[in-house]
Amino acid sequence: KKLSSRPLGDFHIFQLHSQRFVSPRTGHEHDFYVLQMPRWVNVVAVTDDQQVVLIEQFRFGTAQVTLEIPGGMIDAGEDPVAAAARELQEETGFTARSYTLLGDVEPNPAIQDNVCFTVLAEGASRTAAQDLDDKEDIGVLLHPLADVPSLLRTGRIRHALVWAAFMHLDLWRSQRAGGS
């Protein structure tokens, strides 16, 4: 049971809160730190010839360039599918013929309170230039969708939420094919 919550700081993309809970098992009170964050969306964008739209960008947490899929924060009140279309266009210049919400995951429920959605964008094609903000430097490339398992297996794609997005895609495709 949560007893209290107090803000400790606002850091633009997250707010840090100290929250006090009481254990139902022991009755003892404990303090925990929670990152309150906006919802996120990841986009698996696939062209008509079964190429997946990937991005490369420098990630400050690991100080490395990573291979990922487009995505980002969902604006307050924004629908995840609308956010996926917006992020896809901004980061890559691609738009898609159709968008399907595949599922969602909790990125790290031990310390975060947000959800990350996965959206499939089918019939993707480049229709505009990238529209990056001043902190983004993103390279766009196409890769055969059939080769994604190899990119995951070899560690070329290491971002856990990108792994989750491709798992959502695999489960969705399996269900459509009559699997369980």
N, C-alpha and C. Protein backbone atom coordinates (compact mmCIF):
# COMPACT_ATOMS: atom_id res chain seq x y z
N LYS A 1 0.85 -1.18 0.00
CA LYS A 1 0.00 0.00 0.00
C LYS A 1 0.89 1.23 0.00
N LYS A 2 0.60 2.16 -0.94
CA LYS A 2 1.37 3.39 -1.00
C LYS A 2 0.89 4.34 0.08
N LEU A 3 1.84 4.83 0.87
CA LEU A 3 1.51 5.77 1.94
C LEU A 3 1.70 7.22 1.50
N SER A 4 2.73 7.47 0.69
CA SER A 4 3.01 8.84 0.27
C SER A 4 3.90 8.85 -0.96
N SER A 5 3.92 10.01 -1.60
CA SER A 5 4.80 10.23 -2.75
C SER A 5 5.20 11.70 -2.74
N ARG A 6 6.50 11.94 -2.94
CA ARG A 6 6.93 13.33 -3.01
C ARG A 6 7.94 13.49 -4.14
N PRO A 7 7.82 14.56 -4.90
CA PRO A 7 8.74 14.79 -6.01
C PRO A 7 10.12 15.16 -5.50
N LEU A 8 11.14 14.64 -6.19
CA LEU A 8 12.52 14.96 -5.84
C LEU A 8 13.21 15.78 -6.93
N GLY A 9 12.66 15.73 -8.14
CA GLY A 9 13.27 16.49 -9.21
C GLY A 9 12.58 16.25 -10.54
N ASP A 10 12.61 17.27 -11.39
CA ASP A 10 12.05 17.19 -12.73
C ASP A 10 13.20 17.30 -13.71
N PHE A 11 13.39 16.26 -14.52
CA PHE A 11 14.52 16.18 -15.43
C PHE A 11 14.06 16.10 -16.90
N HIS A 12 13.04 16.82 -17.23
CA HIS A 12 12.46 16.94 -18.57
C HIS A 12 11.82 15.65 -19.08
N ILE A 13 12.60 14.59 -19.26
CA ILE A 13 12.02 13.36 -19.79
C ILE A 13 11.54 12.41 -18.68
N PHE A 14 11.83 12.74 -17.44
CA PHE A 14 11.29 11.98 -16.32
C PHE A 14 11.29 12.85 -15.08
N GLN A 15 10.45 12.45 -14.13
CA GLN A 15 10.43 13.08 -12.82
C GLN A 15 10.78 11.97 -11.81
N LEU A 16 11.61 12.33 -10.85
CA LEU A 16 12.00 11.39 -9.81
C LEU A 16 11.14 11.64 -8.57
N HIS A 17 10.54 10.56 -8.07
CA HIS A 17 9.69 10.64 -6.89
C HIS A 17 10.18 9.66 -5.83
N SER A 18 10.07 10.07 -4.58
CA SER A 18 10.29 9.17 -3.46
C SER A 18 8.90 8.72 -3.01
N GLN A 19 8.70 7.41 -2.96
CA GLN A 19 7.41 6.87 -2.56
C GLN A 19 7.59 5.94 -1.37
N ARG A 20 6.68 6.07 -0.43
CA ARG A 20 6.73 5.26 0.78
C ARG A 20 5.60 4.24 0.72
N PHE A 21 5.98 2.97 0.90
CA PHE A 21 5.02 1.87 0.88
C PHE A 21 5.11 1.09 2.17
N VAL A 22 4.02 0.42 2.52
CA VAL A 22 4.02 -0.49 3.66
C VAL A 22 3.84 -1.90 3.10
N SER A 23 4.64 -2.83 3.60
CA SER A 23 4.58 -4.21 3.16
C SER A 23 3.36 -4.89 3.78
N PRO A 24 2.53 -5.53 2.96
CA PRO A 24 1.38 -6.25 3.52
C PRO A 24 1.81 -7.49 4.31
N ARG A 25 2.99 -8.00 4.01
CA ARG A 25 3.49 -9.21 4.70
C ARG A 25 4.07 -8.88 6.06
N THR A 26 4.89 -7.81 6.14
CA THR A 26 5.59 -7.52 7.39
C THR A 26 5.03 -6.33 8.15
N GLY A 27 4.30 -5.46 7.44
CA GLY A 27 3.82 -4.24 8.07
C GLY A 27 4.88 -3.15 8.16
N HIS A 28 6.08 -3.43 7.67
CA HIS A 28 7.16 -2.44 7.71
C HIS A 28 7.03 -1.44 6.55
N GLU A 29 7.42 -0.21 6.85
CA GLU A 29 7.40 0.84 5.83
C GLU A 29 8.77 0.93 5.15
N HIS A 30 8.75 1.21 3.84
CA HIS A 30 9.99 1.32 3.06
C HIS A 30 9.86 2.45 2.05
N ASP A 31 10.98 3.12 1.78
CA ASP A 31 11.03 4.16 0.76
C ASP A 31 11.57 3.56 -0.54
N PHE A 32 10.97 3.97 -1.65
CA PHE A 32 11.39 3.53 -2.98
C PHE A 32 11.47 4.76 -3.88
N TYR A 33 12.28 4.66 -4.92
CA TYR A 33 12.44 5.76 -5.87
C TYR A 33 11.86 5.32 -7.21
N VAL A 34 10.99 6.16 -7.76
CA VAL A 34 10.29 5.84 -9.00
C VAL A 34 10.52 6.94 -10.02
N LEU A 35 10.86 6.51 -11.24
CA LEU A 35 10.97 7.43 -12.36
C LEU A 35 9.60 7.50 -13.03
N GLN A 36 8.97 8.66 -12.94
CA GLN A 36 7.69 8.85 -13.62
C GLN A 36 7.99 9.38 -15.01
N MET A 37 7.54 8.64 -16.02
CA MET A 37 7.91 8.93 -17.40
C MET A 37 6.69 8.89 -18.29
N PRO A 38 6.77 9.59 -19.44
CA PRO A 38 5.67 9.47 -20.39
C PRO A 38 5.67 8.08 -21.02
N ARG A 39 4.55 7.74 -21.62
CA ARG A 39 4.47 6.49 -22.36
C ARG A 39 5.37 6.60 -23.60
N TRP A 40 5.86 5.47 -24.07
CA TRP A 40 6.72 5.42 -25.25
C TRP A 40 6.07 4.58 -26.32
N VAL A 41 6.57 4.73 -27.55
CA VAL A 41 6.13 3.90 -28.66
C VAL A 41 7.33 3.50 -29.50
N ASN A 42 7.33 2.28 -29.99
CA ASN A 42 8.31 1.78 -30.95
C ASN A 42 7.57 1.36 -32.21
N VAL A 43 8.21 1.57 -33.36
CA VAL A 43 7.55 1.32 -34.64
C VAL A 43 8.34 0.29 -35.44
N VAL A 44 7.71 -0.83 -35.76
CA VAL A 44 8.27 -1.79 -36.70
C VAL A 44 7.67 -1.42 -38.05
N ALA A 45 8.45 -0.70 -38.86
CA ALA A 45 7.98 -0.23 -40.17
C ALA A 45 8.53 -1.15 -41.25
N VAL A 46 7.63 -1.68 -42.07
CA VAL A 46 8.00 -2.66 -43.09
C VAL A 46 7.53 -2.16 -44.45
N THR A 47 8.43 -2.20 -45.42
CA THR A 47 8.10 -1.79 -46.78
C THR A 47 7.36 -2.91 -47.50
N ASP A 48 6.81 -2.59 -48.67
CA ASP A 48 6.10 -3.61 -49.45
C ASP A 48 7.01 -4.76 -49.87
N ASP A 49 8.31 -4.50 -50.02
CA ASP A 49 9.23 -5.58 -50.39
C ASP A 49 9.92 -6.20 -49.16
N GLN A 50 9.26 -6.08 -47.99
CA GLN A 50 9.66 -6.75 -46.75
C GLN A 50 11.04 -6.31 -46.22
N GLN A 51 11.30 -5.01 -46.34
CA GLN A 51 12.46 -4.39 -45.71
C GLN A 51 11.97 -3.70 -44.44
N VAL A 52 12.72 -3.82 -43.38
CA VAL A 52 12.37 -3.14 -42.14
C VAL A 52 13.17 -1.84 -42.07
N VAL A 53 12.52 -0.78 -41.61
CA VAL A 53 13.17 0.52 -41.48
C VAL A 53 13.88 0.53 -40.12
N LEU A 54 15.20 0.66 -40.16
CA LEU A 54 16.01 0.70 -38.95
C LEU A 54 16.69 2.06 -38.85
N ILE A 55 17.08 2.40 -37.64
CA ILE A 55 17.80 3.66 -37.42
C ILE A 55 19.07 3.37 -36.63
N GLU A 56 20.05 4.20 -36.86
CA GLU A 56 21.27 4.18 -36.06
C GLU A 56 21.38 5.53 -35.39
N GLN A 57 21.66 5.49 -34.08
CA GLN A 57 21.85 6.74 -33.36
C GLN A 57 22.74 6.52 -32.14
N PHE A 58 23.42 7.58 -31.75
CA PHE A 58 24.27 7.54 -30.56
C PHE A 58 23.38 7.57 -29.33
N ARG A 59 23.65 6.64 -28.41
CA ARG A 59 22.92 6.58 -27.15
C ARG A 59 23.86 6.96 -26.02
N PHE A 60 23.47 7.97 -25.26
CA PHE A 60 24.33 8.53 -24.23
C PHE A 60 24.52 7.59 -23.04
N GLY A 61 23.52 6.76 -22.75
CA GLY A 61 23.64 5.83 -21.61
C GLY A 61 24.76 4.84 -21.78
N THR A 62 24.95 4.34 -23.00
CA THR A 62 26.00 3.37 -23.27
C THR A 62 27.17 3.98 -24.03
N ALA A 63 27.03 5.23 -24.45
CA ALA A 63 28.05 5.95 -25.23
C ALA A 63 28.42 5.18 -26.49
N GLN A 64 27.38 4.64 -27.15
CA GLN A 64 27.58 3.86 -28.37
C GLN A 64 26.50 4.19 -29.39
N VAL A 65 26.83 3.94 -30.65
CA VAL A 65 25.83 4.01 -31.71
C VAL A 65 25.08 2.68 -31.70
N THR A 66 23.76 2.74 -31.68
CA THR A 66 22.94 1.54 -31.61
C THR A 66 22.10 1.39 -32.88
N LEU A 67 21.73 0.16 -33.17
CA LEU A 67 20.82 -0.15 -34.26
C LEU A 67 19.46 -0.44 -33.64
N GLU A 68 18.45 0.31 -34.05
CA GLU A 68 17.13 0.25 -33.42
C GLU A 68 16.04 0.40 -34.47
N ILE A 69 14.82 0.52 -33.97
CA ILE A 69 13.69 0.90 -34.79
C ILE A 69 13.25 2.30 -34.35
N PRO A 70 12.52 3.02 -35.20
CA PRO A 70 12.06 4.35 -34.80
C PRO A 70 11.15 4.27 -33.58
N GLY A 71 11.12 5.35 -32.82
CA GLY A 71 10.24 5.41 -31.67
C GLY A 71 10.52 6.62 -30.83
N GLY A 72 9.75 6.78 -29.78
CA GLY A 72 9.96 7.90 -28.89
C GLY A 72 8.82 8.07 -27.90
N MET A 73 8.82 9.23 -27.27
CA MET A 73 7.82 9.53 -26.26
C MET A 73 6.47 9.87 -26.90
N ILE A 74 5.43 9.45 -26.24
CA ILE A 74 4.06 9.76 -26.65
C ILE A 74 3.67 11.05 -25.94
N ASP A 75 3.20 12.02 -26.70
CA ASP A 75 2.76 13.29 -26.11
C ASP A 75 1.53 13.07 -25.24
N ALA A 76 1.35 13.92 -24.24
CA ALA A 76 0.20 13.83 -23.35
C ALA A 76 -1.09 13.85 -24.16
N GLY A 77 -1.96 12.89 -23.93
CA GLY A 77 -3.23 12.80 -24.63
C GLY A 77 -3.15 12.21 -26.02
N GLU A 78 -1.96 11.87 -26.49
CA GLU A 78 -1.79 11.34 -27.84
C GLU A 78 -2.04 9.83 -27.87
N ASP A 79 -2.69 9.37 -28.91
CA ASP A 79 -2.92 7.95 -29.13
C ASP A 79 -1.60 7.28 -29.54
N PRO A 80 -1.30 6.06 -29.05
CA PRO A 80 -0.04 5.40 -29.41
C PRO A 80 0.16 5.22 -30.92
N VAL A 81 -0.91 4.94 -31.65
CA VAL A 81 -0.78 4.75 -33.10
C VAL A 81 -0.46 6.09 -33.78
N ALA A 82 -1.09 7.15 -33.34
CA ALA A 82 -0.79 8.48 -33.88
C ALA A 82 0.65 8.87 -33.55
N ALA A 83 1.11 8.54 -32.35
CA ALA A 83 2.48 8.82 -31.96
C ALA A 83 3.46 8.02 -32.82
N ALA A 84 3.10 6.78 -33.12
CA ALA A 84 3.96 5.94 -33.97
C ALA A 84 4.11 6.56 -35.36
N ALA A 85 3.00 7.00 -35.94
CA ALA A 85 3.06 7.64 -37.26
C ALA A 85 3.91 8.90 -37.22
N ARG A 86 3.77 9.69 -36.17
CA ARG A 86 4.53 10.93 -36.02
C ARG A 86 6.02 10.63 -35.86
N GLU A 87 6.36 9.71 -34.96
CA GLU A 87 7.76 9.38 -34.72
C GLU A 87 8.42 8.78 -35.97
N LEU A 88 7.70 7.91 -36.68
CA LEU A 88 8.24 7.31 -37.90
C LEU A 88 8.59 8.40 -38.91
N GLN A 89 7.68 9.33 -39.12
CA GLN A 89 7.93 10.40 -40.09
C GLN A 89 9.05 11.32 -39.63
N GLU A 90 9.02 11.72 -38.37
CA GLU A 90 10.05 12.64 -37.88
C GLU A 90 11.45 12.03 -37.95
N GLU A 91 11.59 10.79 -37.50
CA GLU A 91 12.91 10.19 -37.40
C GLU A 91 13.44 9.66 -38.73
N THR A 92 12.54 9.27 -39.64
CA THR A 92 12.99 8.59 -40.86
C THR A 92 12.52 9.23 -42.16
N GLY A 93 11.47 10.04 -42.13
CA GLY A 93 10.87 10.54 -43.35
C GLY A 93 9.93 9.54 -44.00
N PHE A 94 9.68 8.41 -43.34
CA PHE A 94 8.78 7.38 -43.86
C PHE A 94 7.37 7.58 -43.31
N THR A 95 6.39 7.21 -44.09
CA THR A 95 5.02 7.05 -43.64
C THR A 95 4.57 5.66 -44.08
N ALA A 96 3.42 5.22 -43.61
CA ALA A 96 2.95 3.88 -43.93
C ALA A 96 1.50 3.90 -44.38
N ARG A 97 1.13 2.87 -45.08
CA ARG A 97 -0.25 2.70 -45.56
C ARG A 97 -1.20 2.32 -44.41
N SER A 98 -0.68 1.51 -43.46
CA SER A 98 -1.54 1.10 -42.33
C SER A 98 -0.69 0.93 -41.08
N TYR A 99 -1.36 1.09 -39.95
CA TYR A 99 -0.72 0.99 -38.64
C TYR A 99 -1.56 0.06 -37.77
N THR A 100 -0.87 -0.86 -37.07
CA THR A 100 -1.55 -1.81 -36.19
C THR A 100 -0.85 -1.83 -34.84
N LEU A 101 -1.60 -1.61 -33.78
CA LEU A 101 -1.06 -1.73 -32.42
C LEU A 101 -0.87 -3.21 -32.11
N LEU A 102 0.38 -3.62 -31.82
CA LEU A 102 0.69 -5.03 -31.57
C LEU A 102 0.68 -5.40 -30.10
N GLY A 103 0.97 -4.45 -29.23
CA GLY A 103 1.01 -4.77 -27.80
C GLY A 103 1.82 -3.74 -27.04
N ASP A 104 2.05 -4.02 -25.78
CA ASP A 104 2.83 -3.11 -24.94
C ASP A 104 3.58 -3.89 -23.87
N VAL A 105 4.62 -3.26 -23.35
CA VAL A 105 5.41 -3.82 -22.26
C VAL A 105 5.71 -2.72 -21.25
N GLU A 106 6.06 -3.13 -20.05
CA GLU A 106 6.53 -2.21 -19.02
C GLU A 106 8.06 -2.24 -19.07
N PRO A 107 8.71 -1.14 -19.48
CA PRO A 107 10.16 -1.15 -19.69
C PRO A 107 10.97 -1.60 -18.48
N ASN A 108 10.65 -1.13 -17.30
CA ASN A 108 11.37 -1.55 -16.09
C ASN A 108 10.49 -1.25 -14.88
N PRO A 109 9.53 -2.13 -14.56
CA PRO A 109 8.56 -1.84 -13.49
C PRO A 109 9.17 -1.74 -12.10
N ALA A 110 10.43 -2.10 -11.96
CA ALA A 110 11.07 -1.95 -10.64
C ALA A 110 11.27 -0.48 -10.30
N ILE A 111 11.51 0.36 -11.32
CA ILE A 111 11.80 1.77 -11.04
C ILE A 111 11.06 2.75 -11.95
N GLN A 112 10.32 2.27 -12.95
CA GLN A 112 9.62 3.15 -13.88
C GLN A 112 8.12 2.87 -13.84
N ASP A 113 7.34 3.90 -14.14
CA ASP A 113 5.89 3.74 -14.10
C ASP A 113 5.24 3.77 -15.49
N ASN A 114 6.03 3.72 -16.56
CA ASN A 114 5.47 3.90 -17.89
C ASN A 114 5.33 2.59 -18.66
N VAL A 115 4.75 2.72 -19.86
CA VAL A 115 4.48 1.62 -20.76
C VAL A 115 5.09 1.97 -22.11
N CYS A 116 5.58 0.95 -22.83
CA CYS A 116 6.07 1.13 -24.20
C CYS A 116 5.22 0.29 -25.14
N PHE A 117 4.61 0.94 -26.12
CA PHE A 117 3.76 0.29 -27.10
C PHE A 117 4.57 -0.08 -28.34
N THR A 118 4.17 -1.15 -29.01
CA THR A 118 4.74 -1.52 -30.30
C THR A 118 3.66 -1.39 -31.36
N VAL A 119 3.99 -0.67 -32.43
CA VAL A 119 3.06 -0.48 -33.55
C VAL A 119 3.73 -0.99 -34.82
N LEU A 120 3.00 -1.77 -35.59
CA LEU A 120 3.44 -2.24 -36.90
C LEU A 120 2.96 -1.24 -37.94
N ALA A 121 3.89 -0.76 -38.77
CA ALA A 121 3.57 0.17 -39.86
C ALA A 121 3.84 -0.56 -41.17
N GLU A 122 2.78 -0.97 -41.85
CA GLU A 122 2.93 -1.74 -43.10
C GLU A 122 2.80 -0.82 -44.31
N GLY A 123 3.50 -1.20 -45.39
CA GLY A 123 3.49 -0.39 -46.59
C GLY A 123 4.27 0.89 -46.41
N ALA A 124 5.37 0.81 -45.68
CA ALA A 124 6.18 2.00 -45.38
C ALA A 124 6.96 2.43 -46.62
N SER A 125 7.03 3.74 -46.81
CA SER A 125 7.84 4.31 -47.89
C SER A 125 8.28 5.71 -47.48
N ARG A 126 9.42 6.12 -48.04
CA ARG A 126 9.93 7.46 -47.73
C ARG A 126 9.08 8.47 -48.49
N THR A 127 8.48 9.39 -47.76
CA THR A 127 7.61 10.40 -48.36
C THR A 127 8.05 11.82 -48.05
N ALA A 128 9.05 11.97 -47.19
CA ALA A 128 9.49 13.31 -46.78
C ALA A 128 10.92 13.22 -46.25
N ALA A 129 11.47 14.36 -45.95
CA ALA A 129 12.77 14.41 -45.29
C ALA A 129 12.58 14.16 -43.80
N GLN A 130 13.65 13.77 -43.12
CA GLN A 130 13.59 13.65 -41.66
C GLN A 130 13.28 15.03 -41.07
N ASP A 131 12.65 15.01 -39.90
CA ASP A 131 12.34 16.24 -39.18
C ASP A 131 12.86 16.09 -37.75
N LEU A 132 14.19 16.12 -37.62
CA LEU A 132 14.84 15.84 -36.34
C LEU A 132 14.90 17.08 -35.48
N ASP A 133 14.86 16.86 -34.14
CA ASP A 133 15.09 18.00 -33.25
C ASP A 133 16.60 18.21 -33.12
N ASP A 134 16.99 19.27 -32.46
CA ASP A 134 18.42 19.65 -32.42
C ASP A 134 19.29 18.69 -31.62
N LYS A 135 18.70 17.73 -30.90
CA LYS A 135 19.48 16.76 -30.13
C LYS A 135 19.57 15.41 -30.84
N GLU A 136 18.92 15.27 -32.00
CA GLU A 136 18.90 13.99 -32.70
C GLU A 136 19.85 14.01 -33.89
N ASP A 137 20.53 12.90 -34.09
CA ASP A 137 21.38 12.67 -35.25
C ASP A 137 21.15 11.21 -35.61
N ILE A 138 20.23 10.96 -36.54
CA ILE A 138 19.75 9.61 -36.80
C ILE A 138 20.02 9.23 -38.25
N GLY A 139 20.66 8.08 -38.43
CA GLY A 139 20.84 7.49 -39.75
C GLY A 139 19.73 6.49 -40.01
N VAL A 140 19.25 6.45 -41.23
CA VAL A 140 18.15 5.55 -41.61
C VAL A 140 18.67 4.51 -42.59
N LEU A 141 18.32 3.25 -42.37
CA LEU A 141 18.69 2.20 -43.31
C LEU A 141 17.59 1.16 -43.39
N LEU A 142 17.57 0.46 -44.49
CA LEU A 142 16.62 -0.63 -44.70
C LEU A 142 17.38 -1.94 -44.61
N HIS A 143 16.73 -2.94 -44.01
CA HIS A 143 17.34 -4.25 -43.85
C HIS A 143 16.25 -5.29 -44.08
N PRO A 144 16.56 -6.42 -44.71
CA PRO A 144 15.53 -7.45 -44.90
C PRO A 144 14.92 -7.89 -43.57
N LEU A 145 13.61 -7.87 -43.51
CA LEU A 145 12.92 -8.30 -42.29
C LEU A 145 13.31 -9.73 -41.92
N ALA A 146 13.52 -10.57 -42.91
CA ALA A 146 13.88 -11.97 -42.67
C ALA A 146 15.22 -12.11 -41.95
N ASP A 147 16.07 -11.09 -42.02
CA ASP A 147 17.39 -11.14 -41.37
C ASP A 147 17.38 -10.60 -39.94
N VAL A 148 16.25 -10.11 -39.47
CA VAL A 148 16.19 -9.55 -38.11
C VAL A 148 16.60 -10.57 -37.04
N PRO A 149 16.16 -11.85 -37.12
CA PRO A 149 16.62 -12.80 -36.09
C PRO A 149 18.14 -12.88 -35.99
N SER A 150 18.83 -12.79 -37.11
CA SER A 150 20.29 -12.81 -37.09
C SER A 150 20.84 -11.55 -36.43
N LEU A 151 20.23 -10.40 -36.68
CA LEU A 151 20.66 -9.15 -36.04
C LEU A 151 20.50 -9.22 -34.52
N LEU A 152 19.44 -9.90 -34.08
CA LEU A 152 19.21 -10.07 -32.65
C LEU A 152 20.20 -11.09 -32.06
N ARG A 153 20.32 -12.22 -32.73
CA ARG A 153 21.17 -13.31 -32.24
C ARG A 153 22.64 -12.90 -32.13
N THR A 154 23.12 -12.12 -33.09
CA THR A 154 24.54 -11.73 -33.11
C THR A 154 24.82 -10.51 -32.24
N GLY A 155 23.79 -9.90 -31.67
CA GLY A 155 24.00 -8.74 -30.81
C GLY A 155 24.11 -7.43 -31.56
N ARG A 156 23.83 -7.45 -32.85
CA ARG A 156 23.84 -6.18 -33.60
C ARG A 156 22.72 -5.29 -33.10
N ILE A 157 21.57 -5.89 -32.76
CA ILE A 157 20.49 -5.17 -32.08
C ILE A 157 20.51 -5.64 -30.63
N ARG A 158 20.75 -4.68 -29.71
CA ARG A 158 20.87 -5.02 -28.29
C ARG A 158 19.82 -4.33 -27.41
N HIS A 159 19.11 -3.38 -27.96
CA HIS A 159 18.13 -2.60 -27.19
C HIS A 159 16.96 -3.52 -26.80
N ALA A 160 16.73 -3.66 -25.50
CA ALA A 160 15.72 -4.60 -25.00
C ALA A 160 14.32 -4.29 -25.51
N LEU A 161 13.97 -3.02 -25.64
CA LEU A 161 12.63 -2.68 -26.11
C LEU A 161 12.47 -2.95 -27.59
N VAL A 162 13.55 -2.93 -28.34
CA VAL A 162 13.50 -3.33 -29.76
C VAL A 162 13.30 -4.84 -29.84
N TRP A 163 14.00 -5.58 -28.98
CA TRP A 163 13.76 -7.03 -28.90
C TRP A 163 12.28 -7.30 -28.61
N ALA A 164 11.73 -6.57 -27.64
CA ALA A 164 10.31 -6.76 -27.29
C ALA A 164 9.41 -6.46 -28.47
N ALA A 165 9.74 -5.42 -29.23
CA ALA A 165 8.92 -5.06 -30.40
C ALA A 165 8.93 -6.19 -31.42
N PHE A 166 10.09 -6.77 -31.69
CA PHE A 166 10.15 -7.86 -32.65
C PHE A 166 9.47 -9.12 -32.10
N MET A 167 9.47 -9.30 -30.79
CA MET A 167 8.71 -10.41 -30.20
C MET A 167 7.21 -10.18 -30.40
N HIS A 168 6.76 -8.94 -30.19
CA HIS A 168 5.35 -8.62 -30.47
C HIS A 168 5.00 -8.93 -31.92
N LEU A 169 5.88 -8.56 -32.85
CA LEU A 169 5.63 -8.83 -34.26
C LEU A 169 5.57 -10.33 -34.52
N ASP A 170 6.49 -11.08 -33.95
CA ASP A 170 6.51 -12.53 -34.15
C ASP A 170 5.24 -13.17 -33.61
N LEU A 171 4.82 -12.76 -32.42
CA LEU A 171 3.58 -13.31 -31.84
C LEU A 171 2.36 -12.95 -32.68
N TRP A 172 2.31 -11.72 -33.18
CA TRP A 172 1.19 -11.28 -34.01
C TRP A 172 1.14 -12.06 -35.32
N ARG A 173 2.30 -12.26 -35.94
CA ARG A 173 2.36 -13.02 -37.20
C ARG A 173 1.97 -14.48 -36.96
N SER A 174 2.42 -15.05 -35.85
CA SER A 174 2.08 -16.43 -35.52
C SER A 174 0.57 -16.59 -35.31
N GLN A 175 -0.03 -15.64 -34.61
CA GLN A 175 -1.48 -15.69 -34.37
C GLN A 175 -2.25 -15.58 -35.67
N ARG A 176 -1.82 -14.71 -36.56
CA ARG A 176 -2.49 -14.56 -37.86
C ARG A 176 -2.35 -15.82 -38.70
N ALA A 177 -1.25 -16.56 -38.52
CA ALA A 177 -1.03 -17.78 -39.28
C ALA A 177 -1.74 -18.98 -38.66
N GLY A 178 -2.47 -18.74 -37.56
CA GLY A 178 -3.22 -19.82 -36.92
C GLY A 178 -2.49 -20.49 -35.79
N GLY A 179 -1.34 -19.93 -35.38
CA GLY A 179 -0.59 -20.50 -34.25
C GLY A 179 -1.21 -20.08 -32.94
N SER A 180 -0.61 -20.54 -31.84
CA SER A 180 -1.15 -20.17 -30.53
C SER A 180 -0.32 -19.10 -29.88
